[in-house]
Amino acid sequence: MTPQEKYDKIIAISTLEHVGEDSGDPSLAINAIEHLKILLDDCGEMLITIPVGFNTPLEENLFNLGMEVYGLVEENGIWHECDPRILNGRTYNFAGNTATGLYVLIFKKRS
């Protein structure tokens, strides 16, 4: 399906890690991200956040999506920026439904 409308900004906050979760197919989340890129106009920008440890197969592919990848980590109740590669292996607190780290992805489309 070819979209009729294009967007200058797309923001997805802790959402895309759920795509394909019920089927166990991480490629569905990756396909969703690639589709969102198509929905951007010629100078559009997209911001995506993904909590660390929630969808590990997706996280393994984040650095291959042609996007800038940043990291945030929580330590002793304080969040700070970090090298996103150190987030690999951190776990998601499913019991408390809280993240201990966050990937921030930015894509800027340039025609």
PDB file of N, CA and C in Angstrom:
ATOM      1  N   MET A   1       0.844  -1.182   0.000  1.00  0.00           N
ATOM      2  CA  MET A   1       0.000   0.000   0.000  1.00  0.00           C
ATOM      3  C   MET A   1       0.891   1.247   0.000  1.00  0.00           C
ATOM      4  N   THR A   2       0.641   2.127  -0.924  1.00  0.00           N
ATOM      5  CA  THR A   2       1.396   3.367  -1.013  1.00  0.00           C
ATOM      6  C   THR A   2       0.634   4.462  -0.271  1.00  0.00           C
ATOM      7  N   PRO A   3       1.275   5.082   0.703  1.00  0.00           N
ATOM      8  CA  PRO A   3       0.584   6.130   1.463  1.00  0.00           C
ATOM      9  C   PRO A   3       0.328   7.359   0.609  1.00  0.00           C
ATOM     10  N   GLN A   4      -0.807   7.981   0.822  1.00  0.00           N
ATOM     11  CA  GLN A   4      -1.162   9.187   0.087  1.00  0.00           C
ATOM     12  C   GLN A   4      -0.650  10.444   0.776  1.00  0.00           C
ATOM     13  N   GLU A   5      -0.564  10.402   2.090  1.00  0.00           N
ATOM     14  CA  GLU A   5      -0.153  11.563   2.866  1.00  0.00           C
ATOM     15  C   GLU A   5       1.252  11.339   3.420  1.00  0.00           C
ATOM     16  N   LYS A   6       2.057  12.402   3.410  1.00  0.00           N
ATOM     17  CA  LYS A   6       3.399  12.351   3.974  1.00  0.00           C
ATOM     18  C   LYS A   6       3.440  13.254   5.210  1.00  0.00           C
ATOM     19  N   TYR A   7       4.345  12.965   6.119  1.00  0.00           N
ATOM     20  CA  TYR A   7       4.416  13.685   7.385  1.00  0.00           C
ATOM     21  C   TYR A   7       5.795  14.310   7.565  1.00  0.00           C
ATOM     22  N   ASP A   8       5.825  15.477   8.207  1.00  0.00           N
ATOM     23  CA  ASP A   8       7.119  16.102   8.462  1.00  0.00           C
ATOM     24  C   ASP A   8       7.735  15.588   9.758  1.00  0.00           C
ATOM     25  N   LYS A   9       6.920  15.083  10.674  1.00  0.00           N
ATOM     26  CA  LYS A   9       7.413  14.535  11.943  1.00  0.00           C
ATOM     27  C   LYS A   9       6.620  13.267  12.290  1.00  0.00           C
ATOM     28  N   ILE A  10       7.350  12.265  12.767  1.00  0.00           N
ATOM     29  CA  ILE A  10       6.729  11.055  13.321  1.00  0.00           C
ATOM     30  C   ILE A  10       7.431  10.777  14.638  1.00  0.00           C
ATOM     31  N   ILE A  11       6.641  10.542  15.686  1.00  0.00           N
ATOM     32  CA  ILE A  11       7.184  10.237  17.011  1.00  0.00           C
ATOM     33  C   ILE A  11       6.519   8.959  17.513  1.00  0.00           C
ATOM     34  N   ALA A  12       7.320   7.999  17.933  1.00  0.00           N
ATOM     35  CA  ALA A  12       6.819   6.750  18.501  1.00  0.00           C
ATOM     36  C   ALA A  12       7.555   6.504  19.817  1.00  0.00           C
ATOM     37  N   ILE A  13       6.874   6.718  20.916  1.00  0.00           N
ATOM     38  CA  ILE A  13       7.470   6.585  22.242  1.00  0.00           C
ATOM     39  C   ILE A  13       7.105   5.223  22.833  1.00  0.00           C
ATOM     40  N   SER A  14       8.097   4.369  22.973  1.00  0.00           N
ATOM     41  CA  SER A  14       7.929   3.041  23.584  1.00  0.00           C
ATOM     42  C   SER A  14       6.697   2.325  23.034  1.00  0.00           C
ATOM     43  N   THR A  15       6.647   2.229  21.712  1.00  0.00           N
ATOM     44  CA  THR A  15       5.514   1.611  21.032  1.00  0.00           C
ATOM     45  C   THR A  15       5.946   0.486  20.095  1.00  0.00           C
ATOM     46  N   LEU A  16       6.950   0.745  19.282  1.00  0.00           N
ATOM     47  CA  LEU A  16       7.286  -0.187  18.205  1.00  0.00           C
ATOM     48  C   LEU A  16       7.868  -1.509  18.686  1.00  0.00           C
ATOM     49  N   GLU A  17       8.354  -1.557  19.915  1.00  0.00           N
ATOM     50  CA  GLU A  17       8.864  -2.832  20.445  1.00  0.00           C
ATOM     51  C   GLU A  17       7.742  -3.856  20.619  1.00  0.00           C
ATOM     52  N   HIS A  18       6.490  -3.408  20.584  1.00  0.00           N
ATOM     53  CA  HIS A  18       5.345  -4.309  20.723  1.00  0.00           C
ATOM     54  C   HIS A  18       4.929  -4.938  19.391  1.00  0.00           C
ATOM     55  N   VAL A  19       5.339  -4.341  18.269  1.00  0.00           N
ATOM     56  CA  VAL A  19       4.950  -4.852  16.954  1.00  0.00           C
ATOM     57  C   VAL A  19       5.583  -6.224  16.749  1.00  0.00           C
ATOM     58  N   GLY A  20       4.767  -7.214  16.475  1.00  0.00           N
ATOM     59  CA  GLY A  20       5.242  -8.586  16.267  1.00  0.00           C
ATOM     60  C   GLY A  20       5.468  -9.352  17.545  1.00  0.00           C
ATOM     61  N   GLU A  21       5.218  -8.718  18.680  1.00  0.00           N
ATOM     62  CA  GLU A  21       5.471  -9.368  19.976  1.00  0.00           C
ATOM     63  C   GLU A  21       4.653 -10.646  20.139  1.00  0.00           C
ATOM     64  N   ASP A  22       3.388 -10.603  19.738  1.00  0.00           N
ATOM     65  CA  ASP A  22       2.531 -11.775  19.907  1.00  0.00           C
ATOM     66  C   ASP A  22       2.891 -12.908  18.954  1.00  0.00           C
ATOM     67  N   SER A  23       3.483 -12.571  17.809  1.00  0.00           N
ATOM     68  CA  SER A  23       3.854 -13.614  16.849  1.00  0.00           C
ATOM     69  C   SER A  23       5.289 -14.085  17.029  1.00  0.00           C
ATOM     70  N   GLY A  24       6.076 -13.332  17.807  1.00  0.00           N
ATOM     71  CA  GLY A  24       7.474 -13.683  18.002  1.00  0.00           C
ATOM     72  C   GLY A  24       8.333 -13.406  16.784  1.00  0.00           C
ATOM     73  N   ASP A  25       7.842 -12.542  15.888  1.00  0.00           N
ATOM     74  CA  ASP A  25       8.573 -12.228  14.657  1.00  0.00           C
ATOM     75  C   ASP A  25       9.143 -10.818  14.734  1.00  0.00           C
ATOM     76  N   PRO A  26      10.436 -10.667  15.088  1.00  0.00           N
ATOM     77  CA  PRO A  26      11.034  -9.338  15.230  1.00  0.00           C
ATOM     78  C   PRO A  26      11.107  -8.566  13.923  1.00  0.00           C
ATOM     79  N   SER A  27      11.034  -9.270  12.795  1.00  0.00           N
ATOM     80  CA  SER A  27      11.107  -8.563  11.519  1.00  0.00           C
ATOM     81  C   SER A  27       9.898  -7.654  11.316  1.00  0.00           C
ATOM     82  N   LEU A  28       8.790  -7.948  11.981  1.00  0.00           N
ATOM     83  CA  LEU A  28       7.603  -7.096  11.852  1.00  0.00           C
ATOM     84  C   LEU A  28       7.857  -5.694  12.411  1.00  0.00           C
ATOM     85  N   ALA A  29       8.569  -5.605  13.525  1.00  0.00           N
ATOM     86  CA  ALA A  29       8.896  -4.292  14.097  1.00  0.00           C
ATOM     87  C   ALA A  29       9.869  -3.551  13.193  1.00  0.00           C
ATOM     88  N   ILE A  30      10.827  -4.259  12.639  1.00  0.00           N
ATOM     89  CA  ILE A  30      11.781  -3.644  11.726  1.00  0.00           C
ATOM     90  C   ILE A  30      11.057  -3.160  10.471  1.00  0.00           C
ATOM     91  N   ASN A  31      10.152  -3.971   9.956  1.00  0.00           N
ATOM     92  CA  ASN A  31       9.362  -3.576   8.786  1.00  0.00           C
ATOM     93  C   ASN A  31       8.505  -2.346   9.096  1.00  0.00           C
ATOM     94  N   ALA A  32       7.971  -2.268  10.299  1.00  0.00           N
ATOM     95  CA  ALA A  32       7.161  -1.111  10.694  1.00  0.00           C
ATOM     96  C   ALA A  32       8.017   0.153  10.695  1.00  0.00           C
ATOM     97  N   ILE A  33       9.233   0.058  11.200  1.00  0.00           N
ATOM     98  CA  ILE A  33      10.131   1.224  11.218  1.00  0.00           C
ATOM     99  C   ILE A  33      10.458   1.651   9.788  1.00  0.00           C
ATOM    100  N   GLU A  34      10.758   0.695   8.928  1.00  0.00           N
ATOM    101  CA  GLU A  34      11.056   1.021   7.528  1.00  0.00           C
ATOM    102  C   GLU A  34       9.841   1.649   6.842  1.00  0.00           C
ATOM    103  N   HIS A  35       8.642   1.176   7.169  1.00  0.00           N
ATOM    104  CA  HIS A  35       7.428   1.751   6.589  1.00  0.00           C
ATOM    105  C   HIS A  35       7.223   3.191   7.072  1.00  0.00           C
ATOM    106  N   LEU A  36       7.497   3.450   8.332  1.00  0.00           N
ATOM    107  CA  LEU A  36       7.360   4.816   8.848  1.00  0.00           C
ATOM    108  C   LEU A  36       8.304   5.773   8.112  1.00  0.00           C
ATOM    109  N   LYS A  37       9.470   5.303   7.738  1.00  0.00           N
ATOM    110  CA  LYS A  37      10.394   6.139   6.963  1.00  0.00           C
ATOM    111  C   LYS A  37       9.757   6.567   5.641  1.00  0.00           C
ATOM    112  N   ILE A  38       9.018   5.663   5.013  1.00  0.00           N
ATOM    113  CA  ILE A  38       8.347   5.964   3.747  1.00  0.00           C
ATOM    114  C   ILE A  38       7.273   7.035   3.935  1.00  0.00           C
ATOM    115  N   LEU A  39       6.681   7.080   5.121  1.00  0.00           N
ATOM    116  CA  LEU A  39       5.613   8.045   5.391  1.00  0.00           C
ATOM    117  C   LEU A  39       6.116   9.468   5.607  1.00  0.00           C
ATOM    118  N   LEU A  40       7.437   9.638   5.705  1.00  0.00           N
ATOM    119  CA  LEU A  40       8.001  10.968   5.911  1.00  0.00           C
ATOM    120  C   LEU A  40       8.086  11.734   4.600  1.00  0.00           C
ATOM    121  N   ASP A  41       7.847  13.054   4.673  1.00  0.00           N
ATOM    122  CA  ASP A  41       8.045  13.875   3.485  1.00  0.00           C
ATOM    123  C   ASP A  41       9.541  14.032   3.219  1.00  0.00           C
ATOM    124  N   ASP A  42       9.897  14.782   2.193  1.00  0.00           N
ATOM    125  CA  ASP A  42      11.291  14.850   1.738  1.00  0.00           C
ATOM    126  C   ASP A  42      12.289  15.324   2.786  1.00  0.00           C
ATOM    127  N   CYS A  43      11.872  16.116   3.745  1.00  0.00           N
ATOM    128  CA  CYS A  43      12.765  16.592   4.807  1.00  0.00           C
ATOM    129  C   CYS A  43      12.227  16.195   6.179  1.00  0.00           C
ATOM    130  N   GLY A  44      11.466  15.100   6.232  1.00  0.00           N
ATOM    131  CA  GLY A  44      10.843  14.668   7.476  1.00  0.00           C
ATOM    132  C   GLY A  44      11.825  14.095   8.481  1.00  0.00           C
ATOM    133  N   GLU A  45      11.397  14.087   9.723  1.00  0.00           N
ATOM    134  CA  GLU A  45      12.209  13.562  10.817  1.00  0.00           C
ATOM    135  C   GLU A  45      11.365  12.627  11.678  1.00  0.00           C
ATOM    136  N   MET A  46      12.032  11.625  12.233  1.00  0.00           N
ATOM    137  CA  MET A  46      11.333  10.653  13.070  1.00  0.00           C
ATOM    138  C   MET A  46      12.141  10.411  14.336  1.00  0.00           C
ATOM    139  N   LEU A  47      11.433  10.314  15.451  1.00  0.00           N
ATOM    140  CA  LEU A  47      12.030   9.999  16.746  1.00  0.00           C
ATOM    141  C   LEU A  47      11.328   8.763  17.287  1.00  0.00           C
ATOM    142  N   ILE A  48      12.121   7.775  17.671  1.00  0.00           N
ATOM    143  CA  ILE A  48      11.588   6.521  18.217  1.00  0.00           C
ATOM    144  C   ILE A  48      12.331   6.217  19.509  1.00  0.00           C
ATOM    145  N   THR A  49      11.605   5.786  20.537  1.00  0.00           N
ATOM    146  CA  THR A  49      12.264   5.271  21.735  1.00  0.00           C
ATOM    147  C   THR A  49      11.876   3.808  21.910  1.00  0.00           C
ATOM    148  N   ILE A  50      12.844   3.026  22.371  1.00  0.00           N
ATOM    149  CA  ILE A  50      12.628   1.592  22.603  1.00  0.00           C
ATOM    150  C   ILE A  50      13.262   1.235  23.943  1.00  0.00           C
ATOM    151  N   PRO A  51      12.467   0.729  24.892  1.00  0.00           N
ATOM    152  CA  PRO A  51      13.039   0.339  26.182  1.00  0.00           C
ATOM    153  C   PRO A  51      13.953  -0.879  26.030  1.00  0.00           C
ATOM    154  N   VAL A  52      15.054  -0.841  26.715  1.00  0.00           N
ATOM    155  CA  VAL A  52      16.064  -1.892  26.648  1.00  0.00           C
ATOM    156  C   VAL A  52      15.537  -3.180  27.282  1.00  0.00           C
ATOM    157  N   GLY A  53      15.796  -4.302  26.608  1.00  0.00           N
ATOM    158  CA  GLY A  53      15.476  -5.613  27.154  1.00  0.00           C
ATOM    159  C   GLY A  53      14.050  -6.072  26.933  1.00  0.00           C
ATOM    160  N   PHE A  54      13.233  -5.270  26.267  1.00  0.00           N
ATOM    161  CA  PHE A  54      11.840  -5.650  26.050  1.00  0.00           C
ATOM    162  C   PHE A  54      11.693  -6.525  24.811  1.00  0.00           C
ATOM    163  N   ASN A  55      12.392  -6.164  23.739  1.00  0.00           N
ATOM    164  CA  ASN A  55      12.336  -6.910  22.483  1.00  0.00           C
ATOM    165  C   ASN A  55      13.770  -7.074  21.979  1.00  0.00           C
ATOM    166  N   THR A  56      14.458  -8.053  22.523  1.00  0.00           N
ATOM    167  CA  THR A  56      15.882  -8.250  22.234  1.00  0.00           C
ATOM    168  C   THR A  56      16.175  -8.451  20.753  1.00  0.00           C
ATOM    169  N   PRO A  57      15.393  -9.262  20.006  1.00  0.00           N
ATOM    170  CA  PRO A  57      15.686  -9.405  18.575  1.00  0.00           C
ATOM    171  C   PRO A  57      15.629  -8.066  17.823  1.00  0.00           C
ATOM    172  N   LEU A  58      14.697  -7.203  18.172  1.00  0.00           N
ATOM    173  CA  LEU A  58      14.638  -5.875  17.555  1.00  0.00           C
ATOM    174  C   LEU A  58      15.887  -5.084  17.912  1.00  0.00           C
ATOM    175  N   GLU A  59      16.271  -5.117  19.177  1.00  0.00           N
ATOM    176  CA  GLU A  59      17.442  -4.361  19.635  1.00  0.00           C
ATOM    177  C   GLU A  59      18.714  -4.791  18.908  1.00  0.00           C
ATOM    178  N   GLU A  60      18.806  -6.061  18.564  1.00  0.00           N
ATOM    179  CA  GLU A  60      19.986  -6.565  17.872  1.00  0.00           C
ATOM    180  C   GLU A  60      20.124  -5.962  16.475  1.00  0.00           C
ATOM    181  N   ASN A  61      19.049  -5.379  15.956  1.00  0.00           N
ATOM    182  CA  ASN A  61      19.059  -4.812  14.609  1.00  0.00           C
ATOM    183  C   ASN A  61      19.030  -3.284  14.588  1.00  0.00           C
ATOM    184  N   LEU A  62      18.984  -2.640  15.731  1.00  0.00           N
ATOM    185  CA  LEU A  62      18.824  -1.185  15.779  1.00  0.00           C
ATOM    186  C   LEU A  62      19.946  -0.430  15.080  1.00  0.00           C
ATOM    187  N   PHE A  63      21.151  -0.950  15.137  1.00  0.00           N
ATOM    188  CA  PHE A  63      22.289  -0.241  14.555  1.00  0.00           C
ATOM    189  C   PHE A  63      22.398  -0.458  13.045  1.00  0.00           C
ATOM    190  N   ASN A  64      21.481  -1.241  12.484  1.00  0.00           N
ATOM    191  CA  ASN A  64      21.484  -1.527  11.044  1.00  0.00           C
ATOM    192  C   ASN A  64      20.330  -0.855  10.317  1.00  0.00           C
ATOM    193  N   LEU A  65      19.656   0.081  10.960  1.00  0.00           N
ATOM    194  CA  LEU A  65      18.464   0.699  10.375  1.00  0.00           C
ATOM    195  C   LEU A  65      18.732   2.049   9.720  1.00  0.00           C
ATOM    196  N   GLY A  66      19.988   2.470   9.676  1.00  0.00           N
ATOM    197  CA  GLY A  66      20.303   3.751   9.058  1.00  0.00           C
ATOM    198  C   GLY A  66      19.801   4.936   9.852  1.00  0.00           C
ATOM    199  N   MET A  67      19.766   4.788  11.167  1.00  0.00           N
ATOM    200  CA  MET A  67      19.290   5.847  12.045  1.00  0.00           C
ATOM    201  C   MET A  67      20.376   6.188  13.062  1.00  0.00           C
ATOM    202  N   GLU A  68      20.331   7.396  13.576  1.00  0.00           N
ATOM    203  CA  GLU A  68      21.208   7.753  14.692  1.00  0.00           C
ATOM    204  C   GLU A  68      20.665   7.037  15.927  1.00  0.00           C
ATOM    205  N   VAL A  69      21.538   6.435  16.729  1.00  0.00           N
ATOM    206  CA  VAL A  69      21.116   5.704  17.918  1.00  0.00           C
ATOM    207  C   VAL A  69      21.811   6.307  19.135  1.00  0.00           C
ATOM    208  N   TYR A  70      21.003   6.684  20.109  1.00  0.00           N
ATOM    209  CA  TYR A  70      21.500   7.237  21.367  1.00  0.00           C
ATOM    210  C   TYR A  70      21.032   6.342  22.503  1.00  0.00           C
ATOM    211  N   GLY A  71      21.656   6.484  23.658  1.00  0.00           N
ATOM    212  CA  GLY A  71      21.275   5.675  24.798  1.00  0.00           C
ATOM    213  C   GLY A  71      21.026   6.507  26.035  1.00  0.00           C
ATOM    214  N   LEU A  72      20.079   6.042  26.826  1.00  0.00           N
ATOM    215  CA  LEU A  72      19.815   6.581  28.160  1.00  0.00           C
ATOM    216  C   LEU A  72      19.817   5.404  29.114  1.00  0.00           C
ATOM    217  N   VAL A  73      20.406   5.592  30.284  1.00  0.00           N
ATOM    218  CA  VAL A  73      20.465   4.519  31.267  1.00  0.00           C
ATOM    219  C   VAL A  73      20.047   5.064  32.628  1.00  0.00           C
ATOM    220  N   GLU A  74      19.379   4.216  33.388  1.00  0.00           N
ATOM    221  CA  GLU A  74      18.946   4.582  34.741  1.00  0.00           C
ATOM    222  C   GLU A  74      19.882   3.897  35.730  1.00  0.00           C
ATOM    223  N   GLU A  75      20.468   4.700  36.597  1.00  0.00           N
ATOM    224  CA  GLU A  75      21.337   4.178  37.647  1.00  0.00           C
ATOM    225  C   GLU A  75      21.016   4.898  38.946  1.00  0.00           C
ATOM    226  N   ASN A  76      20.601   4.125  39.934  1.00  0.00           N
ATOM    227  CA  ASN A  76      20.249   4.677  41.247  1.00  0.00           C
ATOM    228  C   ASN A  76      19.171   5.753  41.149  1.00  0.00           C
ATOM    229  N   GLY A  77      18.194   5.523  40.262  1.00  0.00           N
ATOM    230  CA  GLY A  77      17.074   6.446  40.125  1.00  0.00           C
ATOM    231  C   GLY A  77      17.346   7.680  39.290  1.00  0.00           C
ATOM    232  N   ILE A  78      18.535   7.768  38.715  1.00  0.00           N
ATOM    233  CA  ILE A  78      18.886   8.932  37.898  1.00  0.00           C
ATOM    234  C   ILE A  78      19.156   8.476  36.466  1.00  0.00           C
ATOM    235  N   TRP A  79      18.519   9.148  35.507  1.00  0.00           N
ATOM    236  CA  TRP A  79      18.712   8.843  34.098  1.00  0.00           C
ATOM    237  C   TRP A  79      19.789   9.749  33.521  1.00  0.00           C
ATOM    238  N   HIS A  80      20.663   9.172  32.700  1.00  0.00           N
ATOM    239  CA  HIS A  80      21.666   9.979  32.014  1.00  0.00           C
ATOM    240  C   HIS A  80      22.000   9.346  30.662  1.00  0.00           C
ATOM    241  N   GLU A  81      22.546  10.179  29.779  1.00  0.00           N
ATOM    242  CA  GLU A  81      22.929   9.712  28.454  1.00  0.00           C
ATOM    243  C   GLU A  81      24.131   8.782  28.562  1.00  0.00           C
ATOM    244  N   CYS A  82      24.170   7.802  27.672  1.00  0.00           N
ATOM    245  CA  CYS A  82      25.284   6.855  27.647  1.00  0.00           C
ATOM    246  C   CYS A  82      25.531   6.400  26.219  1.00  0.00           C
ATOM    247  N   ASP A  83      26.648   5.742  26.011  1.00  0.00           N
ATOM    248  CA  ASP A  83      26.917   5.102  24.731  1.00  0.00           C
ATOM    249  C   ASP A  83      25.859   3.997  24.572  1.00  0.00           C
ATOM    250  N   PRO A  84      25.088   4.014  23.496  1.00  0.00           N
ATOM    251  CA  PRO A  84      24.017   3.014  23.367  1.00  0.00           C
ATOM    252  C   PRO A  84      24.511   1.576  23.320  1.00  0.00           C
ATOM    253  N   ARG A  85      25.739   1.368  22.952  1.00  0.00           N
ATOM    254  CA  ARG A  85      26.263  -0.003  22.859  1.00  0.00           C
ATOM    255  C   ARG A  85      26.428  -0.651  24.240  1.00  0.00           C
ATOM    256  N   ILE A  86      26.531   0.158  25.306  1.00  0.00           N
ATOM    257  CA  ILE A  86      26.658  -0.445  26.640  1.00  0.00           C
ATOM    258  C   ILE A  86      25.314  -0.953  27.160  1.00  0.00           C
ATOM    259  N   LEU A  87      24.233  -0.629  26.446  1.00  0.00           N
ATOM    260  CA  LEU A  87      22.913  -1.091  26.872  1.00  0.00           C
ATOM    261  C   LEU A  87      22.675  -2.557  26.533  1.00  0.00           C
ATOM    262  N   ASN A  88      23.458  -3.088  25.615  1.00  0.00           N
ATOM    263  CA  ASN A  88      23.322  -4.484  25.219  1.00  0.00           C
ATOM    264  C   ASN A  88      23.467  -5.386  26.447  1.00  0.00           C
ATOM    265  N   GLY A  89      22.492  -6.234  26.673  1.00  0.00           N
ATOM    266  CA  GLY A  89      22.544  -7.168  27.790  1.00  0.00           C
ATOM    267  C   GLY A  89      21.795  -6.692  29.035  1.00  0.00           C
ATOM    268  N   ARG A  90      21.425  -5.407  29.073  1.00  0.00           N
ATOM    269  CA  ARG A  90      20.617  -4.935  30.207  1.00  0.00           C
ATOM    270  C   ARG A  90      19.228  -5.546  30.093  1.00  0.00           C
ATOM    271  N   THR A  91      18.595  -5.713  31.216  1.00  0.00           N
ATOM    272  CA  THR A  91      17.278  -6.344  31.230  1.00  0.00           C
ATOM    273  C   THR A  91      16.172  -5.322  31.481  1.00  0.00           C
ATOM    274  N   TYR A  92      14.992  -5.677  31.047  1.00  0.00           N
ATOM    275  CA  TYR A  92      13.787  -4.903  31.310  1.00  0.00           C
ATOM    276  C   TYR A  92      13.177  -5.442  32.596  1.00  0.00           C
ATOM    277  N   ASN A  93      12.694  -4.577  33.449  1.00  0.00           N
ATOM    278  CA  ASN A  93      12.067  -4.993  34.703  1.00  0.00           C
ATOM    279  C   ASN A  93      10.597  -5.311  34.433  1.00  0.00           C
ATOM    280  N   PHE A  94      10.323  -6.546  34.009  1.00  0.00           N
ATOM    281  CA  PHE A  94       8.950  -6.938  33.685  1.00  0.00           C
ATOM    282  C   PHE A  94       8.067  -6.967  34.929  1.00  0.00           C
ATOM    283  N   ALA A  95       8.626  -7.329  36.076  1.00  0.00           N
ATOM    284  CA  ALA A  95       7.829  -7.370  37.316  1.00  0.00           C
ATOM    285  C   ALA A  95       7.324  -5.980  37.682  1.00  0.00           C
ATOM    286  N   GLY A  96       8.161  -4.981  37.511  1.00  0.00           N
ATOM    287  CA  GLY A  96       7.778  -3.607  37.827  1.00  0.00           C
ATOM    288  C   GLY A  96       7.313  -2.815  36.621  1.00  0.00           C
ATOM    289  N   ASN A  97       7.352  -3.466  35.441  1.00  0.00           N
ATOM    290  CA  ASN A  97       6.968  -2.828  34.183  1.00  0.00           C
ATOM    291  C   ASN A  97       7.706  -1.507  33.966  1.00  0.00           C
ATOM    292  N   THR A  98       9.025  -1.528  34.204  1.00  0.00           N
ATOM    293  CA  THR A  98       9.843  -0.330  34.041  1.00  0.00           C
ATOM    294  C   THR A  98      11.134  -0.667  33.300  1.00  0.00           C
ATOM    295  N   ALA A  99      11.593   0.302  32.543  1.00  0.00           N
ATOM    296  CA  ALA A  99      12.840   0.142  31.795  1.00  0.00           C
ATOM    297  C   ALA A  99      14.022   0.572  32.654  1.00  0.00           C
ATOM    298  N   THR A 100      15.162  -0.038  32.400  1.00  0.00           N
ATOM    299  CA  THR A 100      16.414   0.372  33.048  1.00  0.00           C
ATOM    300  C   THR A 100      17.330   1.075  32.058  1.00  0.00           C
ATOM    301  N   GLY A 101      16.916   1.082  30.808  1.00  0.00           N
ATOM    302  CA  GLY A 101      17.654   1.754  29.753  1.00  0.00           C
ATOM    303  C   GLY A 101      16.710   2.044  28.603  1.00  0.00           C
ATOM    304  N   LEU A 102      17.130   2.946  27.745  1.00  0.00           N
ATOM    305  CA  LEU A 102      16.269   3.371  26.644  1.00  0.00           C
ATOM    306  C   LEU A 102      17.128   3.682  25.426  1.00  0.00           C
ATOM    307  N   TYR A 103      16.726   3.139  24.286  1.00  0.00           N
ATOM    308  CA  TYR A 103      17.333   3.524  23.014  1.00  0.00           C
ATOM    309  C   TYR A 103      16.524   4.676  22.445  1.00  0.00           C
ATOM    310  N   VAL A 104      17.211   5.680  21.938  1.00  0.00           N
ATOM    311  CA  VAL A 104      16.565   6.802  21.266  1.00  0.00           C
ATOM    312  C   VAL A 104      17.102   6.806  19.843  1.00  0.00           C
ATOM    313  N   LEU A 105      16.198   6.629  18.886  1.00  0.00           N
ATOM    314  CA  LEU A 105      16.577   6.578  17.476  1.00  0.00           C
ATOM    315  C   LEU A 105      16.043   7.814  16.766  1.00  0.00           C
ATOM    316  N   ILE A 106      16.892   8.404  15.949  1.00  0.00           N
ATOM    317  CA  ILE A 106      16.501   9.591  15.189  1.00  0.00           C
ATOM    318  C   ILE A 106      16.825   9.350  13.723  1.00  0.00           C
ATOM    319  N   PHE A 107      15.836   9.635  12.882  1.00  0.00           N
ATOM    320  CA  PHE A 107      16.014   9.510  11.447  1.00  0.00           C
ATOM    321  C   PHE A 107      15.624  10.826  10.796  1.00  0.00           C
ATOM    322  N   LYS A 108      16.519  11.342   9.970  1.00  0.00           N
ATOM    323  CA  LYS A 108      16.258  12.579   9.234  1.00  0.00           C
ATOM    324  C   LYS A 108      16.327  12.269   7.751  1.00  0.00           C
ATOM    325  N   LYS A 109      15.177  12.356   7.108  1.00  0.00           N
ATOM    326  CA  LYS A 109      15.119  12.059   5.691  1.00  0.00           C
ATOM    327  C   LYS A 109      15.602  13.272   4.898  1.00  0.00           C
ATOM    328  N   ARG A 110      16.467  13.042   3.975  1.00  0.00           N
ATOM    329  CA  ARG A 110      16.986  14.109   3.130  1.00  0.00           C
ATOM    330  C   ARG A 110      16.874  13.657   1.685  1.00  0.00           C
ATOM    331  N   SER A 111      16.170  14.421   0.877  1.00  0.00           N
ATOM    332  CA  SER A 111      15.989  14.025  -0.523  1.00  0.00           C
ATOM    333  C   SER A 111      17.148  14.475  -1.379  1.00  0.00           C
TER     334      SER A 111
END
